Amino acid sequence: MYRMSDEEFQAAIEEALDAMPAQFMDALSNIAVVMEEEPSAYHLGYDEDEDYDPTEADDLLGLFDGFSLVERANGYGDDIPDVITVFKGPHERCFDSRQEIVDEIGKTIIHELGHYFGLEDDRLYDMGY
């Protein structure tokens, strides 16, 4: 396990975004990328009043919450941004060095952007994300 400050983790997210190909970044519309310490009850599909342990979801490194471009084709209000959340705690518990965490943040963001572009998990895993 490797620990990072919130500032270091946020900088790693920015580093990953800066490394994204321009054509991907140019295609994004009304989307935010944020950091959370741990997945919340909402992220894990629990009711807010249910007990849950976010550390049991270490395989949840990130989450896309919004409408894919495919879904937007049927009309989209564009009023509330879609969100990619990158979870710090699971990254720290799953990887043993700063470089591993930075690399995995990049993979996590690419995976979640894949959902934004309409790709399903199976396809993203086949692609290595």
N, C-alpha and C. Protein backbone atom coordinates (compact mmCIF):
# COMPACT_ATOMS: atom_id res chain seq x y z
N MET A 1 0.85 -1.17 0.00
CA MET A 1 0.00 0.00 0.00
C MET A 1 0.90 1.24 0.00
N TYR A 2 0.51 2.19 -0.81
CA TYR A 2 1.25 3.44 -0.91
C TYR A 2 0.28 4.58 -0.65
N ARG A 3 0.62 5.46 0.26
CA ARG A 3 -0.26 6.58 0.62
C ARG A 3 0.18 7.85 -0.11
N MET A 4 -0.82 8.62 -0.54
CA MET A 4 -0.57 9.91 -1.19
C MET A 4 -1.43 10.95 -0.47
N SER A 5 -0.93 12.16 -0.43
CA SER A 5 -1.78 13.25 0.07
C SER A 5 -2.88 13.50 -0.96
N ASP A 6 -3.93 14.18 -0.52
CA ASP A 6 -5.00 14.53 -1.46
C ASP A 6 -4.45 15.37 -2.61
N GLU A 7 -3.52 16.25 -2.30
CA GLU A 7 -2.93 17.11 -3.33
C GLU A 7 -2.14 16.30 -4.35
N GLU A 8 -1.37 15.31 -3.86
CA GLU A 8 -0.61 14.44 -4.76
C GLU A 8 -1.54 13.62 -5.65
N PHE A 9 -2.62 13.11 -5.06
CA PHE A 9 -3.56 12.30 -5.81
C PHE A 9 -4.25 13.14 -6.87
N GLN A 10 -4.66 14.35 -6.49
CA GLN A 10 -5.30 15.26 -7.45
C GLN A 10 -4.32 15.62 -8.58
N ALA A 11 -3.07 15.83 -8.22
CA ALA A 11 -2.05 16.12 -9.24
C ALA A 11 -1.88 14.92 -10.19
N ALA A 12 -1.98 13.70 -9.65
CA ALA A 12 -1.87 12.51 -10.49
C ALA A 12 -3.06 12.42 -11.45
N ILE A 13 -4.25 12.82 -11.00
CA ILE A 13 -5.42 12.86 -11.88
C ILE A 13 -5.17 13.86 -13.00
N GLU A 14 -4.68 15.05 -12.64
CA GLU A 14 -4.39 16.07 -13.65
C GLU A 14 -3.33 15.58 -14.64
N GLU A 15 -2.33 14.89 -14.12
CA GLU A 15 -1.27 14.33 -14.97
C GLU A 15 -1.86 13.33 -15.97
N ALA A 16 -2.78 12.49 -15.48
CA ALA A 16 -3.42 11.50 -16.36
C ALA A 16 -4.28 12.19 -17.42
N LEU A 17 -5.00 13.23 -17.02
CA LEU A 17 -5.84 13.96 -17.98
C LEU A 17 -4.97 14.66 -19.03
N ASP A 18 -3.85 15.23 -18.58
CA ASP A 18 -2.94 15.90 -19.51
C ASP A 18 -2.34 14.93 -20.53
N ALA A 19 -2.24 13.65 -20.15
CA ALA A 19 -1.65 12.65 -21.03
C ALA A 19 -2.67 12.05 -22.01
N MET A 20 -3.94 12.40 -21.85
CA MET A 20 -4.97 11.86 -22.75
C MET A 20 -4.79 12.44 -24.16
N PRO A 21 -5.05 11.62 -25.17
CA PRO A 21 -4.97 12.13 -26.54
C PRO A 21 -5.94 13.30 -26.74
N ALA A 22 -5.50 14.28 -27.50
CA ALA A 22 -6.30 15.49 -27.72
C ALA A 22 -7.67 15.18 -28.31
N GLN A 23 -7.75 14.18 -29.20
CA GLN A 23 -9.05 13.89 -29.82
C GLN A 23 -10.07 13.42 -28.79
N PHE A 24 -9.62 12.72 -27.72
CA PHE A 24 -10.55 12.33 -26.66
C PHE A 24 -11.01 13.56 -25.88
N MET A 25 -10.06 14.37 -25.51
CA MET A 25 -10.38 15.54 -24.69
C MET A 25 -11.26 16.52 -25.47
N ASP A 26 -11.01 16.67 -26.76
CA ASP A 26 -11.82 17.57 -27.59
C ASP A 26 -13.26 17.08 -27.73
N ALA A 27 -13.46 15.76 -27.59
CA ALA A 27 -14.80 15.19 -27.75
C ALA A 27 -15.64 15.25 -26.48
N LEU A 28 -15.03 15.66 -25.36
CA LEU A 28 -15.76 15.71 -24.10
C LEU A 28 -16.62 16.95 -24.03
N SER A 29 -17.80 16.78 -23.48
CA SER A 29 -18.72 17.89 -23.31
C SER A 29 -19.45 17.75 -21.98
N ASN A 30 -19.33 18.76 -21.15
CA ASN A 30 -20.08 18.83 -19.90
C ASN A 30 -19.80 17.63 -18.99
N ILE A 31 -18.53 17.40 -18.73
CA ILE A 31 -18.13 16.29 -17.86
C ILE A 31 -17.07 16.78 -16.88
N ALA A 32 -17.20 16.35 -15.63
CA ALA A 32 -16.24 16.71 -14.59
C ALA A 32 -15.52 15.45 -14.13
N VAL A 33 -14.25 15.59 -13.78
CA VAL A 33 -13.47 14.51 -13.19
C VAL A 33 -13.13 14.94 -11.78
N VAL A 34 -13.58 14.14 -10.80
CA VAL A 34 -13.39 14.50 -9.39
C VAL A 34 -12.74 13.35 -8.63
N MET A 35 -12.20 13.67 -7.48
CA MET A 35 -11.60 12.70 -6.58
C MET A 35 -12.50 12.56 -5.36
N GLU A 36 -12.66 11.34 -4.90
CA GLU A 36 -13.32 11.04 -3.62
C GLU A 36 -12.39 10.10 -2.87
N GLU A 37 -12.40 10.21 -1.55
CA GLU A 37 -11.57 9.32 -0.73
C GLU A 37 -12.03 7.87 -0.88
N GLU A 38 -13.31 7.62 -0.70
CA GLU A 38 -13.88 6.28 -0.76
C GLU A 38 -15.21 6.32 -1.50
N PRO A 39 -15.63 5.20 -2.06
CA PRO A 39 -16.96 5.13 -2.65
C PRO A 39 -18.02 5.34 -1.56
N SER A 40 -19.05 6.07 -1.87
CA SER A 40 -20.14 6.31 -0.92
C SER A 40 -21.20 5.22 -1.06
N ALA A 41 -22.19 5.26 -0.18
CA ALA A 41 -23.32 4.34 -0.28
C ALA A 41 -23.95 4.46 -1.66
N TYR A 42 -24.10 5.68 -2.15
CA TYR A 42 -24.67 5.92 -3.48
C TYR A 42 -23.84 5.22 -4.56
N HIS A 43 -22.51 5.40 -4.50
CA HIS A 43 -21.64 4.80 -5.51
C HIS A 43 -21.74 3.28 -5.51
N LEU A 44 -21.97 2.69 -4.33
CA LEU A 44 -22.01 1.24 -4.19
C LEU A 44 -23.41 0.66 -4.35
N GLY A 45 -24.40 1.52 -4.57
CA GLY A 45 -25.76 1.06 -4.78
C GLY A 45 -26.54 0.78 -3.51
N TYR A 46 -26.07 1.29 -2.38
CA TYR A 46 -26.79 1.13 -1.12
C TYR A 46 -27.69 2.33 -0.88
N ASP A 47 -28.74 2.13 -0.08
CA ASP A 47 -29.52 3.25 0.43
C ASP A 47 -28.64 3.98 1.43
N GLU A 48 -28.82 5.27 1.56
CA GLU A 48 -27.99 6.08 2.46
C GLU A 48 -28.03 5.59 3.91
N ASP A 49 -29.13 4.95 4.32
CA ASP A 49 -29.24 4.51 5.71
C ASP A 49 -28.76 3.08 5.93
N GLU A 50 -28.33 2.39 4.87
CA GLU A 50 -27.81 1.03 5.00
C GLU A 50 -26.35 1.06 5.43
N ASP A 51 -25.97 0.07 6.23
CA ASP A 51 -24.57 -0.07 6.61
C ASP A 51 -23.78 -0.65 5.45
N TYR A 52 -22.61 -0.14 5.25
CA TYR A 52 -21.73 -0.66 4.20
C TYR A 52 -20.30 -0.34 4.59
N ASP A 53 -19.38 -1.08 4.04
CA ASP A 53 -17.96 -0.88 4.27
C ASP A 53 -17.32 -0.56 2.92
N PRO A 54 -16.96 0.70 2.69
CA PRO A 54 -16.40 1.06 1.38
C PRO A 54 -15.10 0.33 1.06
N THR A 55 -14.38 -0.15 2.07
CA THR A 55 -13.12 -0.84 1.80
C THR A 55 -13.36 -2.23 1.21
N GLU A 56 -14.62 -2.71 1.23
CA GLU A 56 -14.93 -3.98 0.59
C GLU A 56 -15.07 -3.83 -0.92
N ALA A 57 -15.01 -2.62 -1.41
CA ALA A 57 -15.16 -2.35 -2.84
C ALA A 57 -13.86 -1.90 -3.46
N ASP A 58 -12.76 -2.56 -3.10
CA ASP A 58 -11.46 -2.14 -3.62
C ASP A 58 -11.33 -2.30 -5.12
N ASP A 59 -12.25 -3.05 -5.74
CA ASP A 59 -12.20 -3.16 -7.19
C ASP A 59 -12.89 -1.98 -7.87
N LEU A 60 -13.52 -1.10 -7.08
CA LEU A 60 -14.16 0.09 -7.64
C LEU A 60 -13.16 1.25 -7.55
N LEU A 61 -12.38 1.41 -8.61
CA LEU A 61 -11.36 2.45 -8.65
C LEU A 61 -11.91 3.76 -9.18
N GLY A 62 -12.98 3.67 -9.96
CA GLY A 62 -13.60 4.86 -10.53
C GLY A 62 -15.02 4.55 -10.94
N LEU A 63 -15.76 5.61 -11.25
CA LEU A 63 -17.16 5.44 -11.63
C LEU A 63 -17.58 6.57 -12.56
N PHE A 64 -18.26 6.21 -13.64
CA PHE A 64 -18.87 7.21 -14.52
C PHE A 64 -20.33 7.32 -14.12
N ASP A 65 -20.77 8.52 -13.82
CA ASP A 65 -22.15 8.76 -13.42
C ASP A 65 -22.72 9.80 -14.38
N GLY A 66 -23.49 9.33 -15.34
CA GLY A 66 -24.06 10.26 -16.31
C GLY A 66 -24.63 9.53 -17.50
N PHE A 67 -24.71 10.24 -18.61
CA PHE A 67 -25.26 9.72 -19.85
C PHE A 67 -24.15 9.61 -20.88
N SER A 68 -24.06 8.44 -21.50
CA SER A 68 -23.06 8.25 -22.54
C SER A 68 -23.45 9.08 -23.77
N LEU A 69 -22.51 9.25 -24.67
CA LEU A 69 -22.82 9.95 -25.92
C LEU A 69 -23.93 9.25 -26.69
N VAL A 70 -23.98 7.93 -26.59
CA VAL A 70 -25.04 7.17 -27.26
C VAL A 70 -26.39 7.55 -26.66
N GLU A 71 -26.47 7.61 -25.34
CA GLU A 71 -27.72 7.98 -24.67
C GLU A 71 -28.09 9.44 -24.93
N ARG A 72 -27.12 10.27 -25.09
CA ARG A 72 -27.37 11.70 -25.34
C ARG A 72 -27.99 11.94 -26.71
N ALA A 73 -27.85 10.98 -27.62
CA ALA A 73 -28.38 11.15 -28.97
C ALA A 73 -29.90 11.32 -28.96
N ASN A 74 -30.54 10.85 -27.90
CA ASN A 74 -32.00 10.96 -27.80
C ASN A 74 -32.44 12.27 -27.14
N GLY A 75 -31.52 13.16 -26.95
CA GLY A 75 -31.82 14.44 -26.30
C GLY A 75 -31.15 14.52 -24.95
N TYR A 76 -30.57 15.65 -24.67
CA TYR A 76 -29.80 15.81 -23.45
C TYR A 76 -29.85 17.27 -23.07
N GLY A 77 -30.25 17.53 -21.83
CA GLY A 77 -30.41 18.91 -21.37
C GLY A 77 -29.11 19.66 -21.17
N ASP A 78 -28.00 18.94 -20.98
CA ASP A 78 -26.68 19.55 -20.84
C ASP A 78 -26.64 20.54 -19.67
N ASP A 79 -27.51 20.34 -18.66
CA ASP A 79 -27.53 21.29 -17.56
C ASP A 79 -26.68 20.86 -16.37
N ILE A 80 -26.64 19.58 -16.07
CA ILE A 80 -25.82 19.08 -14.97
C ILE A 80 -24.70 18.25 -15.58
N PRO A 81 -23.45 18.50 -15.18
CA PRO A 81 -22.36 17.74 -15.81
C PRO A 81 -22.39 16.27 -15.40
N ASP A 82 -21.98 15.42 -16.32
CA ASP A 82 -21.70 14.03 -15.99
C ASP A 82 -20.40 14.04 -15.19
N VAL A 83 -20.21 12.98 -14.38
CA VAL A 83 -19.07 12.98 -13.47
C VAL A 83 -18.32 11.66 -13.56
N ILE A 84 -17.00 11.77 -13.66
CA ILE A 84 -16.11 10.64 -13.46
C ILE A 84 -15.49 10.85 -12.08
N THR A 85 -15.70 9.87 -11.20
CA THR A 85 -15.12 9.93 -9.87
C THR A 85 -13.98 8.93 -9.79
N VAL A 86 -12.83 9.37 -9.31
CA VAL A 86 -11.67 8.51 -9.10
C VAL A 86 -11.52 8.37 -7.59
N PHE A 87 -11.49 7.12 -7.10
CA PHE A 87 -11.45 6.86 -5.67
C PHE A 87 -10.02 6.64 -5.18
N LYS A 88 -9.62 7.47 -4.24
CA LYS A 88 -8.25 7.46 -3.73
C LYS A 88 -7.95 6.22 -2.89
N GLY A 89 -8.81 5.91 -1.93
CA GLY A 89 -8.56 4.80 -1.01
C GLY A 89 -8.31 3.48 -1.71
N PRO A 90 -9.19 3.07 -2.62
CA PRO A 90 -8.94 1.80 -3.32
C PRO A 90 -7.63 1.79 -4.12
N HIS A 91 -7.30 2.92 -4.74
CA HIS A 91 -6.01 2.99 -5.47
C HIS A 91 -4.85 2.78 -4.50
N GLU A 92 -4.91 3.43 -3.35
CA GLU A 92 -3.81 3.30 -2.37
C GLU A 92 -3.70 1.87 -1.84
N ARG A 93 -4.84 1.23 -1.60
CA ARG A 93 -4.81 -0.13 -1.04
C ARG A 93 -4.40 -1.18 -2.08
N CYS A 94 -4.64 -0.92 -3.34
CA CYS A 94 -4.38 -1.92 -4.38
C CYS A 94 -2.99 -1.84 -5.00
N PHE A 95 -2.31 -0.70 -4.85
CA PHE A 95 -1.05 -0.52 -5.55
C PHE A 95 0.05 -0.07 -4.59
N ASP A 96 1.29 -0.48 -4.89
CA ASP A 96 2.38 -0.35 -3.94
C ASP A 96 3.36 0.78 -4.18
N SER A 97 3.14 1.56 -5.22
CA SER A 97 4.08 2.66 -5.47
C SER A 97 3.33 3.83 -6.11
N ARG A 98 3.95 4.99 -6.05
CA ARG A 98 3.36 6.16 -6.67
C ARG A 98 3.16 5.93 -8.16
N GLN A 99 4.16 5.36 -8.81
CA GLN A 99 4.06 5.15 -10.26
C GLN A 99 2.92 4.20 -10.61
N GLU A 100 2.75 3.12 -9.82
CA GLU A 100 1.64 2.21 -10.08
C GLU A 100 0.30 2.94 -9.93
N ILE A 101 0.17 3.77 -8.89
CA ILE A 101 -1.07 4.52 -8.68
C ILE A 101 -1.31 5.47 -9.84
N VAL A 102 -0.29 6.20 -10.25
CA VAL A 102 -0.43 7.14 -11.38
C VAL A 102 -0.85 6.39 -12.64
N ASP A 103 -0.20 5.26 -12.91
CA ASP A 103 -0.56 4.46 -14.09
C ASP A 103 -2.00 3.99 -14.01
N GLU A 104 -2.41 3.53 -12.85
CA GLU A 104 -3.77 3.00 -12.69
C GLU A 104 -4.82 4.11 -12.72
N ILE A 105 -4.48 5.29 -12.24
CA ILE A 105 -5.40 6.43 -12.37
C ILE A 105 -5.66 6.69 -13.85
N GLY A 106 -4.61 6.66 -14.65
CA GLY A 106 -4.77 6.85 -16.09
C GLY A 106 -5.67 5.79 -16.70
N LYS A 107 -5.46 4.52 -16.33
CA LYS A 107 -6.31 3.44 -16.83
C LYS A 107 -7.75 3.60 -16.36
N THR A 108 -7.92 4.02 -15.10
CA THR A 108 -9.26 4.23 -14.55
C THR A 108 -9.99 5.31 -15.33
N ILE A 109 -9.31 6.41 -15.60
CA ILE A 109 -9.95 7.51 -16.33
C ILE A 109 -10.29 7.07 -17.75
N ILE A 110 -9.39 6.35 -18.40
CA ILE A 110 -9.68 5.85 -19.74
C ILE A 110 -10.89 4.91 -19.71
N HIS A 111 -10.94 4.04 -18.71
CA HIS A 111 -12.07 3.12 -18.57
C HIS A 111 -13.38 3.90 -18.43
N GLU A 112 -13.39 4.89 -17.55
CA GLU A 112 -14.63 5.66 -17.32
C GLU A 112 -14.98 6.53 -18.53
N LEU A 113 -13.97 7.05 -19.21
CA LEU A 113 -14.25 7.78 -20.46
C LEU A 113 -14.83 6.84 -21.50
N GLY A 114 -14.42 5.58 -21.47
CA GLY A 114 -15.00 4.59 -22.36
C GLY A 114 -16.50 4.49 -22.16
N HIS A 115 -16.94 4.51 -20.90
CA HIS A 115 -18.38 4.50 -20.62
C HIS A 115 -19.04 5.76 -21.16
N TYR A 116 -18.38 6.89 -21.02
CA TYR A 116 -18.89 8.15 -21.57
C TYR A 116 -19.11 8.02 -23.08
N PHE A 117 -18.17 7.33 -23.75
CA PHE A 117 -18.28 7.15 -25.20
C PHE A 117 -19.19 5.99 -25.59
N GLY A 118 -19.77 5.31 -24.59
CA GLY A 118 -20.76 4.27 -24.86
C GLY A 118 -20.25 2.85 -24.83
N LEU A 119 -19.02 2.63 -24.40
CA LEU A 119 -18.48 1.27 -24.34
C LEU A 119 -18.90 0.58 -23.04
N GLU A 120 -19.14 -0.72 -23.13
CA GLU A 120 -19.51 -1.53 -21.97
C GLU A 120 -18.25 -2.10 -21.31
N ASP A 121 -18.40 -2.55 -20.05
CA ASP A 121 -17.27 -3.09 -19.29
C ASP A 121 -16.54 -4.21 -20.02
N ASP A 122 -17.27 -5.15 -20.59
CA ASP A 122 -16.61 -6.28 -21.27
C ASP A 122 -15.65 -5.80 -22.35
N ARG A 123 -16.07 -4.86 -23.13
CA ARG A 123 -15.23 -4.33 -24.22
C ARG A 123 -14.02 -3.60 -23.64
N LEU A 124 -14.25 -2.82 -22.59
CA LEU A 124 -13.15 -2.07 -21.97
C LEU A 124 -12.12 -3.02 -21.35
N TYR A 125 -12.58 -4.10 -20.71
CA TYR A 125 -11.65 -5.08 -20.15
C TYR A 125 -10.87 -5.77 -21.26
N ASP A 126 -11.54 -6.08 -22.37
CA ASP A 126 -10.85 -6.70 -23.51
C ASP A 126 -9.76 -5.77 -24.05
N MET A 127 -9.96 -4.48 -23.92
CA MET A 127 -8.99 -3.50 -24.39
C MET A 127 -7.89 -3.22 -23.36
N GLY A 128 -7.98 -3.85 -22.18
CA GLY A 128 -6.98 -3.66 -21.14
C GLY A 128 -7.30 -2.58 -20.14
N TYR A 129 -8.54 -2.11 -20.15
CA TYR A 129 -8.97 -1.08 -19.22
C TYR A 129 -10.10 -1.57 -18.35
